[in-house]
Amino acid sequence: MGRIQRALISVSDKTGLVDFAKELQAFGVEIISTGGTARTLKDAGIPVVEISEFTGFPEMLDGRVKTLHPKVHGGLLYIRGNAEHEAQAAKQGIKPIDLVVVNLYPFEETVAKPNVSLSDAIENIDIGGPSMLRSAAKNHASVTVVVDPADYPALLKDLKEHGGNTCEMFRWKLAVKAFETTARYDGAIAQYLHAARMRAKGGTGKERNELPEILPLSLKKAQDLRYGENPHQQAALYGNFFGHFQQLHGKELSYNNILDLTAAAELVAEFEEPTVAIIKHTNPCGVGSATTLLEAWNLAYATDKQAPFGGVVAVNRPLDAAIASAIAEIFSEVIVAPEFEPGALAILQKKKNLRFLKNLRPAGAGLAFRSVTGGLLAQERDTRLVSAADMKVVTLRHPTHEERHAILFAWRVVKHVKSNAIVFARFDARGSRTLGVGAGQMSRVDSSKIAVWKAGEAGLDLKGSVVASDAFFPFPDGVIAAVEAGATAVIQPGGSVRDAEVIAAADERNVAMVFTGIRHFRH
């Protein structure tokens, strides 16, 4: 193949554009351009052929039609060296376009703005750009396509190494990136329009939350990871994780770190008062709420002083020096906080491998995904909270003031424990705290036994505690076991065919019980 003779440049992101175009000019490349891109290049003294001059057809419809022309797409798509294609191109006066440099209208940035109108969103749907990218990428055997300004240096390097052209493998790599980009772009448009349609449609809640028939997922790689759950598994992070978290210090995050810190951040987001959660293998080892983060840490850490080794700590207030000093006394993998005060940074930065991240914004609503063989499961995120007004007392005895505080605290925690989940907790003058956590067992009674055993190992007395269960107690035995361990109040969803038996067992033991009507399975 000969040298690149002609390039079409049309970009929204003009980062590095002028210097890049000057380099192309030095290679003798003729530049065709459109609109604002052409003006930018002309203002820099770079010769440009306007697209309307190249096609012989004016830009029209407020710029909606500029590059949708046979002289553009013919110049990109005809197969070089194919005699019939060459003859047709010559007959129609179609000149080859060997390089396309296009990035798209900023649709995702536009719809991310608060109160964006539907008309503004639609006007930021690029038509000509994706069309050119697809044409160039299809014919990457002859045409080079660049969609990202970050690839300008690599392209110029390849041009120098190959006498003014690019090598086949480099063009292939860029073509893949172009198709990945258009897939992501179309997916973002489809998702936005689907959500806008649901909002406009109104009707029942289920209609508004209707999931799409086709789920377009095209996520940009955010970071390569050293390995996955185990060293023999390759792994990478995709999507906008770093739009939610900013790493301030420490070595690279691992696959397991990311899972754990996400679980920890979601847990502390449930609470308004200063709260600390210590997470290991996505389950809470201990959670505490108090008037200060240091006291909340003391309450959480007291639940289990062994499991937090190598765990993740999350807080919902700016991390100060007092709690930083306490956390620094044990080995932690990750700390997550909305802010880190200077005194805390000075303490934590002494541990060079300790990762700490700023929690920029909570996850919010949307869909949660799990991979399964041959596909994905999608569901709405479990953002449902229960207030005191939602609790239905089903026993003769009502919870005391302290028990109400404790069961609401325990209910927020148990939501984040793998099912079957049981949490013992207490509220007193110091604050709210976990006492024992039983997670992920095949039997709810087994989870109860583990929670009781963990409390005993920590030297914590369950007398006067409360217990939360993520799903209903199918038989009275679970409640009886909790009461025998010391619980005086129970919070659970209810809904078992044996609810009456369970309530009777609580009444016989003078235990208060509330139903929430909401289940929080977490698999």
Protein backbone atom coordinates (compact mmCIF):
# COMPACT_ATOMS: atom_id res chain seq x y z
CA MET A 1 0.00 0.00 0.00
CA GLY A 2 1.05 3.55 -0.66
CA ARG A 3 1.13 6.48 1.68
CA ILE A 4 -1.95 7.98 3.34
CA GLN A 5 -2.98 10.73 0.96
CA ARG A 6 -6.22 12.05 2.35
CA ALA A 7 -7.73 12.34 5.86
CA LEU A 8 -11.21 13.33 6.98
CA ILE A 9 -11.17 14.97 10.42
CA SER A 10 -14.35 15.84 12.33
CA VAL A 11 -14.08 15.91 16.11
CA SER A 12 -16.04 17.17 19.11
CA ASP A 13 -13.07 16.67 21.42
CA LYS A 14 -10.35 18.89 20.01
CA THR A 15 -7.65 17.83 22.47
CA GLY A 16 -4.29 17.82 20.66
CA LEU A 17 -6.02 18.43 17.32
CA VAL A 18 -3.87 21.24 15.94
CA ASP A 19 -0.50 19.62 16.70
CA PHE A 20 -1.75 16.31 15.30
CA ALA A 21 -2.98 17.94 12.08
CA LYS A 22 0.34 19.74 11.65
CA GLU A 23 2.11 16.38 11.81
CA LEU A 24 -0.24 14.99 9.17
CA GLN A 25 0.43 18.02 7.03
CA ALA A 26 4.17 17.31 7.30
CA PHE A 27 3.46 13.84 5.84
CA GLY A 28 1.76 15.49 2.89
CA VAL A 29 -1.74 14.40 3.90
CA GLU A 30 -4.64 16.41 2.47
CA ILE A 31 -7.16 17.23 5.20
CA ILE A 32 -10.92 17.34 4.68
CA SER A 33 -12.93 18.72 7.57
CA THR A 34 -16.31 19.95 8.78
CA GLY A 35 -17.80 22.79 10.80
CA GLY A 36 -16.00 23.76 13.99
CA THR A 37 -13.12 21.38 13.32
CA ALA A 38 -12.41 23.06 9.98
CA ARG A 39 -12.50 26.50 11.62
CA THR A 40 -10.08 25.43 14.35
CA LEU A 41 -7.61 24.07 11.78
CA LYS A 42 -7.90 27.10 9.50
CA ASP A 43 -7.34 29.46 12.44
CA ALA A 44 -4.12 27.54 13.11
CA GLY A 45 -2.98 28.10 9.52
CA ILE A 46 -3.54 24.50 8.40
CA PRO A 47 -4.93 24.09 4.86
CA VAL A 48 -8.36 22.41 4.91
CA VAL A 49 -10.79 21.26 2.24
CA GLU A 50 -14.32 21.95 3.47
CA ILE A 51 -16.59 18.90 3.29
CA SER A 52 -19.08 20.75 1.08
CA GLU A 53 -16.27 21.52 -1.38
CA PHE A 54 -15.19 17.86 -1.35
CA THR A 55 -18.69 16.45 -1.91
CA GLY A 56 -20.05 19.28 -4.05
CA PHE A 57 -23.07 19.33 -1.75
CA PRO A 58 -23.74 21.89 1.00
CA GLU A 59 -24.08 21.12 4.67
CA MET A 60 -27.77 21.32 5.45
CA LEU A 61 -30.52 20.87 8.05
CA ASP A 62 -28.58 22.70 10.76
CA GLY A 63 -25.57 20.42 10.20
CA ARG A 64 -27.59 17.20 10.49
CA VAL A 65 -26.44 16.26 6.99
CA LYS A 66 -22.78 16.88 6.24
CA THR A 67 -20.87 13.68 5.63
CA LEU A 68 -23.73 11.38 4.57
CA HIS A 69 -22.66 11.41 0.92
CA PRO A 70 -21.42 8.77 -1.60
CA LYS A 71 -18.17 10.65 -2.09
CA VAL A 72 -17.44 10.22 1.61
CA HIS A 73 -18.60 6.65 2.13
CA GLY A 74 -17.53 5.54 -1.32
CA GLY A 75 -14.07 6.94 -0.63
CA LEU A 76 -13.95 4.96 2.61
CA LEU A 77 -15.54 1.71 1.51
CA TYR A 78 -14.27 0.89 -1.95
CA ILE A 79 -11.80 -2.00 -1.95
CA ARG A 80 -8.38 -0.88 -3.06
CA GLY A 81 -7.02 -3.12 -5.79
CA ASN A 82 -10.48 -4.38 -6.78
CA ALA A 83 -10.71 -3.48 -10.49
CA GLU A 84 -14.49 -3.11 -10.51
CA HIS A 85 -14.50 -0.94 -7.38
CA GLU A 86 -11.67 1.18 -8.74
CA ALA A 87 -13.53 1.69 -12.03
CA GLN A 88 -16.80 2.66 -10.33
CA ALA A 89 -15.00 5.09 -8.02
CA ALA A 90 -13.22 6.70 -10.96
CA LYS A 91 -16.46 6.97 -12.97
CA GLN A 92 -18.23 8.73 -10.07
CA GLY A 93 -15.29 10.97 -9.23
CA ILE A 94 -14.84 9.32 -5.82
CA LYS A 95 -11.44 9.95 -4.30
CA PRO A 96 -9.96 7.61 -1.66
CA ILE A 97 -10.12 8.67 1.98
CA ASP A 98 -7.35 6.77 3.75
CA LEU A 99 -7.69 8.11 7.29
CA VAL A 100 -10.78 9.02 9.35
CA VAL A 101 -10.37 10.90 12.62
CA VAL A 102 -13.76 11.23 14.29
CA ASN A 103 -15.02 11.47 17.85
CA LEU A 104 -18.70 11.72 18.51
CA TYR A 105 -21.13 14.29 19.83
CA PRO A 106 -20.95 14.18 23.64
CA PHE A 107 -24.25 12.38 24.17
CA GLU A 108 -23.41 10.76 27.52
CA GLU A 109 -22.03 14.00 28.92
CA THR A 110 -25.15 15.83 27.77
CA VAL A 111 -27.68 13.46 29.34
CA ALA A 112 -25.64 13.36 32.56
CA LYS A 113 -26.44 17.05 33.12
CA PRO A 114 -29.26 17.77 35.56
CA ASN A 115 -32.61 18.63 33.95
CA VAL A 116 -31.42 18.01 30.40
CA SER A 117 -34.33 18.23 27.97
CA LEU A 118 -35.29 15.43 25.60
CA SER A 119 -34.75 17.76 22.63
CA ASP A 120 -31.19 18.59 23.76
CA ALA A 121 -30.45 14.91 24.19
CA ILE A 122 -31.75 14.10 20.71
CA GLU A 123 -29.72 16.87 19.08
CA ASN A 124 -26.61 15.32 20.61
CA ILE A 125 -27.20 11.99 18.87
CA ASP A 126 -24.44 11.80 16.28
CA ILE A 127 -25.40 10.23 12.94
CA GLY A 128 -22.64 11.05 10.48
CA GLY A 129 -19.83 10.30 12.92
CA PRO A 130 -20.78 6.69 13.71
CA SER A 131 -21.52 6.11 10.03
CA MET A 132 -18.01 7.19 9.02
CA LEU A 133 -16.44 5.18 11.82
CA ARG A 134 -18.27 2.05 10.75
CA SER A 135 -17.41 2.51 7.08
CA ALA A 136 -13.73 3.10 7.84
CA ALA A 137 -13.54 0.26 10.36
CA LYS A 138 -15.19 -2.17 7.94
CA ASN A 139 -12.56 -1.35 5.33
CA HIS A 140 -9.66 -1.33 7.81
CA ALA A 141 -7.63 -3.39 5.34
CA SER A 142 -7.08 -0.07 3.59
CA VAL A 143 -8.39 2.68 5.85
CA THR A 144 -7.11 3.83 9.25
CA VAL A 145 -9.75 4.99 11.76
CA VAL A 146 -9.07 6.98 14.93
CA VAL A 147 -11.80 7.64 17.48
CA ASP A 148 -9.73 8.69 20.51
CA PRO A 149 -7.25 11.61 20.74
CA ALA A 150 -5.16 9.40 23.03
CA ASP A 151 -4.27 7.37 19.92
CA TYR A 152 -2.76 10.31 18.00
CA PRO A 153 0.82 9.66 19.21
CA ALA A 154 0.63 5.94 18.33
CA LEU A 155 -0.71 6.77 14.87
CA LEU A 156 2.07 9.28 14.15
CA LYS A 157 4.64 6.76 15.36
CA ASP A 158 3.21 4.11 13.05
CA LEU A 159 3.24 6.53 10.12
CA LYS A 160 6.92 7.24 10.68
CA GLU A 161 7.78 3.56 10.97
CA HIS A 162 5.89 2.60 7.81
CA GLY A 163 6.77 5.37 5.38
CA GLY A 164 3.62 7.41 5.70
CA ASN A 165 1.17 4.54 6.08
CA THR A 166 0.06 2.26 8.90
CA CYS A 167 0.54 -1.44 9.43
CA GLU A 168 -2.35 -3.89 9.12
CA MET A 169 -2.41 -5.00 12.78
CA PHE A 170 -2.49 -1.39 13.97
CA ARG A 171 -5.42 -0.60 11.65
CA TRP A 172 -7.19 -3.72 12.88
CA LYS A 173 -6.71 -2.69 16.51
CA LEU A 174 -8.12 0.78 15.81
CA ALA A 175 -11.06 -0.72 13.89
CA VAL A 176 -12.00 -2.84 16.90
CA LYS A 177 -11.90 0.27 19.08
CA ALA A 178 -14.13 2.11 16.60
CA PHE A 179 -16.78 -0.62 16.68
CA GLU A 180 -16.55 -0.79 20.49
CA THR A 181 -17.13 2.96 20.58
CA THR A 182 -20.17 2.95 18.29
CA ALA A 183 -21.64 0.00 20.21
CA ARG A 184 -21.23 1.84 23.51
CA TYR A 185 -22.62 5.04 21.98
CA ASP A 186 -25.73 3.35 20.59
CA GLY A 187 -26.22 1.52 23.89
CA ALA A 188 -26.14 4.78 25.84
CA ILE A 189 -28.72 6.31 23.49
CA ALA A 190 -31.00 3.28 23.75
CA GLN A 191 -30.79 3.24 27.55
CA TYR A 192 -31.52 6.97 27.83
CA LEU A 193 -34.47 6.88 25.44
CA HIS A 194 -35.89 3.79 27.15
CA ALA A 195 -35.74 5.49 30.55
CA ALA A 196 -37.21 8.71 29.10
CA ARG A 197 -40.05 6.74 27.54
CA MET A 198 -40.80 5.02 30.85
CA ARG A 199 -40.93 8.39 32.61
CA ALA A 200 -43.21 9.85 29.94
CA LYS A 201 -45.44 6.78 29.92
CA GLY A 202 -46.38 7.05 33.59
CA GLY A 203 -48.86 4.48 34.84
CA THR A 204 -48.11 1.94 37.55
CA GLY A 205 -44.75 1.58 39.25
CA LYS A 206 -44.06 -1.72 37.49
CA GLU A 207 -44.69 -0.10 34.11
CA ARG A 208 -42.30 2.74 34.93
CA ASN A 209 -39.63 0.26 35.99
CA GLU A 210 -40.09 -2.02 32.99
CA LEU A 211 -36.74 -3.47 31.97
CA PRO A 212 -35.63 -3.18 28.32
CA GLU A 213 -36.19 -6.01 25.84
CA ILE A 214 -32.56 -5.72 24.74
CA LEU A 215 -29.93 -4.77 27.29
CA PRO A 216 -27.13 -2.84 25.58
CA LEU A 217 -23.95 -3.10 27.63
CA SER A 218 -20.75 -1.68 26.23
CA LEU A 219 -18.39 -0.70 29.04
CA LYS A 220 -14.98 0.86 28.60
CA LYS A 221 -12.10 -0.82 30.38
CA ALA A 222 -11.23 1.30 33.40
CA GLN A 223 -8.24 -0.71 34.61
CA ASP A 224 -6.45 -3.98 34.08
CA LEU A 225 -6.25 -6.00 37.29
CA ARG A 226 -3.34 -8.22 38.32
CA TYR A 227 -5.72 -11.17 38.50
CA GLY A 228 -9.27 -12.09 39.46
CA GLU A 229 -10.50 -13.84 42.57
CA ASN A 230 -7.47 -16.14 42.25
CA PRO A 231 -4.04 -15.68 40.62
CA HIS A 232 -4.80 -18.05 37.73
CA GLN A 233 -7.76 -15.91 36.57
CA GLN A 234 -7.33 -12.88 34.30
CA ALA A 235 -9.44 -9.86 35.24
CA ALA A 236 -10.20 -6.24 34.39
CA LEU A 237 -12.46 -3.49 35.69
CA TYR A 238 -14.99 -1.98 33.28
CA GLY A 239 -17.37 0.95 33.47
CA ASN A 240 -17.49 4.13 35.55
CA PHE A 241 -16.19 2.80 38.88
CA PHE A 242 -13.77 5.73 39.16
CA GLY A 243 -16.65 8.14 38.73
CA HIS A 244 -17.78 6.90 42.15
CA PHE A 245 -14.42 6.32 43.85
CA GLN A 246 -11.09 8.15 43.66
CA GLN A 247 -8.01 6.29 44.84
CA LEU A 248 -5.77 8.62 46.83
CA HIS A 249 -3.02 6.28 48.01
CA GLY A 250 -1.70 2.76 48.01
CA LYS A 251 -1.06 -0.03 45.59
CA GLU A 252 -3.38 -1.04 42.80
CA LEU A 253 -6.80 -2.34 43.75
CA SER A 254 -7.44 -6.04 43.35
CA TYR A 255 -10.58 -7.76 42.09
CA ASN A 256 -11.54 -8.76 45.63
CA ASN A 257 -10.75 -5.29 47.00
CA ILE A 258 -13.23 -3.78 44.56
CA LEU A 259 -15.98 -6.20 45.56
CA ASP A 260 -15.39 -5.61 49.27
CA LEU A 261 -15.10 -1.82 49.14
CA THR A 262 -18.28 -1.61 47.08
CA ALA A 263 -20.13 -3.69 49.67
CA ALA A 264 -18.73 -1.55 52.49
CA ALA A 265 -19.62 1.76 50.86
CA GLU A 266 -23.17 0.60 50.15
CA LEU A 267 -23.63 -0.47 53.77
CA VAL A 268 -22.54 2.79 55.43
CA ALA A 269 -24.66 4.75 52.94
CA GLU A 270 -27.73 3.36 54.74
CA PHE A 271 -27.00 5.45 57.85
CA GLU A 272 -27.34 9.15 58.66
CA GLU A 273 -25.42 9.10 61.97
CA PRO A 274 -21.60 8.59 61.99
CA THR A 275 -21.14 4.93 61.05
CA VAL A 276 -18.23 2.53 60.52
CA ALA A 277 -18.48 -0.80 58.70
CA ILE A 278 -15.70 -3.39 58.62
CA ILE A 279 -16.09 -5.80 55.69
CA LYS A 280 -14.45 -9.13 54.90
CA HIS A 281 -15.39 -11.18 51.85
CA THR A 282 -18.33 -8.77 51.25
CA ASN A 283 -19.88 -9.56 54.67
CA PRO A 284 -19.75 -7.16 57.64
CA CYS A 285 -17.49 -8.28 60.50
CA GLY A 286 -18.83 -5.43 62.58
CA VAL A 287 -20.84 -2.21 62.24
CA GLY A 288 -21.15 0.65 64.70
CA SER A 289 -23.00 3.98 64.81
CA ALA A 290 -22.24 6.66 67.40
CA THR A 291 -21.75 10.39 67.87
CA THR A 292 -18.17 10.22 66.55
CA LEU A 293 -16.42 7.97 64.06
CA LEU A 294 -13.89 6.89 66.67
CA GLU A 295 -16.60 5.64 69.00
CA ALA A 296 -18.38 4.00 66.05
CA TRP A 297 -15.09 2.28 65.17
CA ASN A 298 -14.69 1.01 68.73
CA LEU A 299 -18.20 -0.45 68.67
CA ALA A 300 -17.73 -2.07 65.23
CA TYR A 301 -14.29 -3.47 65.97
CA ALA A 302 -15.42 -4.99 69.26
CA THR A 303 -17.83 -7.27 67.36
CA ASP A 304 -14.94 -9.31 65.97
CA LYS A 305 -11.27 -8.49 66.54
CA GLN A 306 -9.93 -11.34 64.39
CA ALA A 307 -11.83 -11.16 61.09
CA PRO A 308 -11.02 -7.47 60.32
CA PHE A 309 -7.36 -8.36 59.63
CA GLY A 310 -6.91 -7.63 55.92
CA GLY A 311 -10.43 -6.25 55.62
CA VAL A 312 -12.07 -3.11 54.24
CA VAL A 313 -13.20 -0.22 56.44
CA ALA A 314 -15.84 2.25 55.25
CA VAL A 315 -17.14 5.36 57.01
CA ASN A 316 -19.84 7.87 56.09
CA ARG A 317 -18.12 10.98 57.49
CA PRO A 318 -14.79 12.66 56.73
CA LEU A 319 -12.09 10.47 58.24
CA ASP A 320 -10.29 12.32 61.03
CA ALA A 321 -6.97 11.70 62.78
CA ALA A 322 -8.53 10.01 65.80
CA ILE A 323 -10.13 7.17 63.87
CA ALA A 324 -7.18 7.01 61.46
CA SER A 325 -4.88 6.26 64.39
CA ALA A 326 -7.21 3.52 65.63
CA ILE A 327 -7.54 1.89 62.21
CA ALA A 328 -3.77 2.08 61.69
CA GLU A 329 -3.23 -0.23 64.66
CA ILE A 330 -4.44 -3.21 62.60
CA PHE A 331 -3.70 -4.34 59.05
CA SER A 332 -6.41 -3.23 56.63
CA GLU A 333 -6.47 -3.55 52.86
CA VAL A 334 -8.72 -0.59 51.99
CA ILE A 335 -10.30 2.43 53.70
CA VAL A 336 -13.22 4.26 52.07
CA ALA A 337 -14.49 7.67 53.21
CA PRO A 338 -16.21 10.70 51.68
CA GLU A 339 -13.17 12.83 52.68
CA PHE A 340 -9.84 12.41 54.48
CA GLU A 341 -8.79 15.21 56.81
CA PRO A 342 -5.11 16.29 56.60
CA GLY A 343 -4.26 14.75 59.97
CA ALA A 344 -5.71 11.42 58.87
CA LEU A 345 -3.77 11.51 55.60
CA ALA A 346 -0.52 12.13 57.47
CA ILE A 347 -1.12 9.00 59.56
CA LEU A 348 -2.36 6.69 56.82
CA GLN A 349 0.20 7.67 54.16
CA LYS A 350 2.92 6.12 56.31
CA LYS A 351 1.52 2.73 55.22
CA LYS A 352 2.62 2.73 51.60
CA ASN A 353 0.54 -0.29 50.53
CA LEU A 354 -2.68 0.74 52.29
CA ARG A 355 -5.26 1.71 49.72
CA PHE A 356 -7.61 4.51 50.62
CA LEU A 357 -10.29 5.93 48.42
CA LYS A 358 -12.62 8.89 48.45
CA ASN A 359 -16.26 7.94 47.98
CA LEU A 360 -17.31 10.58 45.47
CA ARG A 361 -20.98 9.68 45.18
CA PRO A 362 -23.27 6.81 46.21
CA ALA A 363 -24.42 4.15 43.77
CA GLY A 364 -28.03 5.30 43.76
CA ALA A 365 -30.78 3.56 41.83
CA GLY A 366 -30.41 1.63 38.58
CA LEU A 367 -29.78 -1.99 37.69
CA ALA A 368 -27.56 -4.55 39.36
CA PHE A 369 -26.10 -7.42 37.34
CA ARG A 370 -24.88 -10.94 38.01
CA SER A 371 -23.26 -13.20 35.44
CA VAL A 372 -24.75 -16.63 34.82
CA THR A 373 -23.93 -19.30 32.29
CA GLY A 374 -24.73 -17.84 28.89
CA GLY A 375 -25.98 -14.48 30.08
CA LEU A 376 -26.71 -11.95 32.78
CA LEU A 377 -29.31 -11.51 35.47
CA ALA A 378 -30.51 -7.93 35.89
CA GLN A 379 -32.57 -6.46 38.70
CA GLU A 380 -33.30 -3.11 40.27
CA ARG A 381 -30.85 -2.27 43.01
CA ASP A 382 -32.19 -2.94 46.51
CA THR A 383 -32.50 0.66 47.67
CA ARG A 384 -35.59 0.14 49.85
CA LEU A 385 -35.26 1.50 53.38
CA VAL A 386 -37.54 0.80 56.31
CA SER A 387 -38.47 3.51 58.79
CA ALA A 388 -40.07 3.19 62.20
CA ALA A 389 -43.42 3.97 60.57
CA ASP A 390 -43.11 0.89 58.33
CA MET A 391 -42.70 -1.53 61.22
CA LYS A 392 -45.76 -3.54 62.20
CA VAL A 393 -45.76 -4.82 65.76
CA VAL A 394 -47.28 -8.33 65.74
CA THR A 395 -46.72 -9.36 69.38
CA LEU A 396 -48.44 -8.43 72.62
CA ARG A 397 -45.39 -6.55 73.83
CA HIS A 398 -44.21 -3.53 71.87
CA PRO A 399 -40.49 -2.76 71.52
CA THR A 400 -39.00 -0.31 73.99
CA HIS A 401 -37.38 2.92 72.80
CA GLU A 402 -33.94 1.29 72.93
CA GLU A 403 -35.17 -1.84 71.16
CA ARG A 404 -36.69 0.24 68.33
CA HIS A 405 -33.36 1.94 67.75
CA ALA A 406 -31.55 -1.37 67.82
CA ILE A 407 -33.86 -3.27 65.48
CA LEU A 408 -33.79 -0.48 62.87
CA PHE A 409 -30.00 -0.52 63.05
CA ALA A 410 -29.88 -4.32 62.81
CA TRP A 411 -32.30 -4.28 59.87
CA ARG A 412 -30.06 -1.92 57.87
CA VAL A 413 -27.08 -4.17 58.57
CA VAL A 414 -28.75 -7.51 57.84
CA LYS A 415 -29.70 -6.21 54.38
CA HIS A 416 -25.97 -6.32 53.54
CA VAL A 417 -25.22 -9.79 54.94
CA LYS A 418 -25.26 -12.83 52.65
CA SER A 419 -28.40 -14.91 53.12
CA ASN A 420 -29.33 -16.74 55.23
CA ALA A 421 -28.51 -13.75 57.42
CA ILE A 422 -28.88 -13.17 61.15
CA VAL A 423 -27.62 -10.09 63.03
CA PHE A 424 -27.67 -9.52 66.81
CA ALA A 425 -27.37 -5.87 67.84
CA ARG A 426 -27.78 -3.44 70.71
CA PHE A 427 -28.45 0.26 71.25
CA ASP A 428 -27.34 2.07 74.41
CA ALA A 429 -25.83 5.36 75.52
CA ARG A 430 -22.70 4.73 73.43
CA GLY A 431 -24.61 4.12 70.18
CA SER A 432 -25.73 1.22 68.01
CA ARG A 433 -23.55 -1.81 67.38
CA THR A 434 -23.49 -5.32 66.03
CA LEU A 435 -22.87 -8.12 68.53
CA GLY A 436 -22.90 -11.20 66.33
CA VAL A 437 -23.26 -11.80 62.59
CA GLY A 438 -24.24 -15.10 61.00
CA ALA A 439 -23.92 -15.14 57.21
CA GLY A 440 -24.49 -17.36 54.22
CA GLN A 441 -25.64 -20.60 55.82
CA MET A 442 -28.02 -23.13 54.28
CA SER A 443 -30.20 -23.00 57.41
CA ARG A 444 -31.38 -19.88 59.23
CA VAL A 445 -30.90 -21.72 62.53
CA ASP A 446 -27.27 -22.38 61.58
CA SER A 447 -26.78 -18.65 60.87
CA SER A 448 -28.25 -17.92 64.31
CA LYS A 449 -25.88 -20.39 65.96
CA ILE A 450 -22.88 -18.83 64.20
CA ALA A 451 -23.95 -15.32 65.24
CA VAL A 452 -24.28 -16.45 68.86
CA TRP A 453 -20.92 -18.23 68.71
CA LYS A 454 -19.19 -15.16 67.20
CA ALA A 455 -20.59 -12.98 69.98
CA GLY A 456 -19.30 -15.43 72.56
CA GLU A 457 -15.86 -15.49 70.94
CA ALA A 458 -15.77 -11.70 71.20
CA GLY A 459 -16.85 -11.80 74.84
CA LEU A 460 -20.09 -9.94 74.08
CA ASP A 461 -23.22 -10.58 76.15
CA LEU A 462 -26.39 -11.05 74.09
CA LYS A 463 -28.68 -10.51 77.07
CA GLY A 464 -31.08 -7.70 76.17
CA SER A 465 -30.02 -7.69 72.50
CA VAL A 466 -32.22 -7.62 69.41
CA VAL A 467 -32.07 -9.90 66.39
CA ALA A 468 -32.73 -9.23 62.69
CA SER A 469 -33.41 -11.84 60.01
CA ASP A 470 -33.23 -10.99 56.31
CA ALA A 471 -36.16 -13.32 55.53
CA PHE A 472 -39.00 -14.81 57.55
CA PHE A 473 -38.49 -17.43 60.22
CA PRO A 474 -40.14 -20.53 58.69
CA PHE A 475 -40.52 -22.21 62.10
CA PRO A 476 -40.56 -21.01 65.71
CA ASP A 477 -37.19 -22.69 66.40
CA GLY A 478 -35.16 -19.78 64.98
CA VAL A 479 -36.86 -17.24 67.21
CA ILE A 480 -36.67 -19.55 70.22
CA ALA A 481 -32.92 -20.00 69.68
CA ALA A 482 -32.43 -16.22 69.48
CA VAL A 483 -34.43 -15.66 72.66
CA GLU A 484 -32.51 -18.35 74.51
CA ALA A 485 -29.31 -16.55 73.48
CA GLY A 486 -30.62 -13.34 75.10
CA ALA A 487 -32.61 -11.45 72.45
CA THR A 488 -35.66 -9.53 73.67
CA ALA A 489 -36.87 -8.11 70.33
CA VAL A 490 -37.00 -9.44 66.79
CA ILE A 491 -37.31 -7.78 63.37
CA GLN A 492 -38.13 -9.89 60.32
CA PRO A 493 -40.16 -9.61 57.08
CA GLY A 494 -42.94 -12.00 58.09
CA GLY A 495 -44.88 -13.92 55.46
CA SER A 496 -44.39 -17.51 56.57
CA VAL A 497 -47.36 -19.88 56.58
CA ARG A 498 -46.38 -20.47 60.21
CA ASP A 499 -46.26 -16.79 61.22
CA ALA A 500 -48.94 -17.40 63.85
CA GLU A 501 -46.79 -20.11 65.48
CA VAL A 502 -43.73 -17.88 65.42
CA ILE A 503 -45.66 -14.96 66.95
CA ALA A 504 -47.08 -17.26 69.62
CA ALA A 505 -43.59 -18.45 70.52
CA ALA A 506 -42.48 -14.82 70.90
CA ASP A 507 -45.51 -13.95 73.04
CA GLU A 508 -44.89 -16.95 75.30
CA ARG A 509 -41.42 -15.55 75.99
CA ASN A 510 -42.53 -11.90 76.34
CA VAL A 511 -40.49 -10.94 73.27
CA ALA A 512 -41.40 -7.99 71.04
CA MET A 513 -41.54 -8.73 67.32
CA VAL A 514 -42.06 -6.46 64.30
CA PHE A 515 -42.71 -7.36 60.68
CA THR A 516 -41.37 -5.21 57.84
CA GLY A 517 -43.13 -6.87 54.92
CA ILE A 518 -39.85 -6.57 52.98
CA ARG A 519 -37.32 -9.32 52.35
CA HIS A 520 -33.61 -8.65 51.77
CA PHE A 521 -32.11 -11.83 50.30
CA ARG A 522 -28.51 -11.24 49.22
CA HIS A 523 -26.91 -14.03 47.24
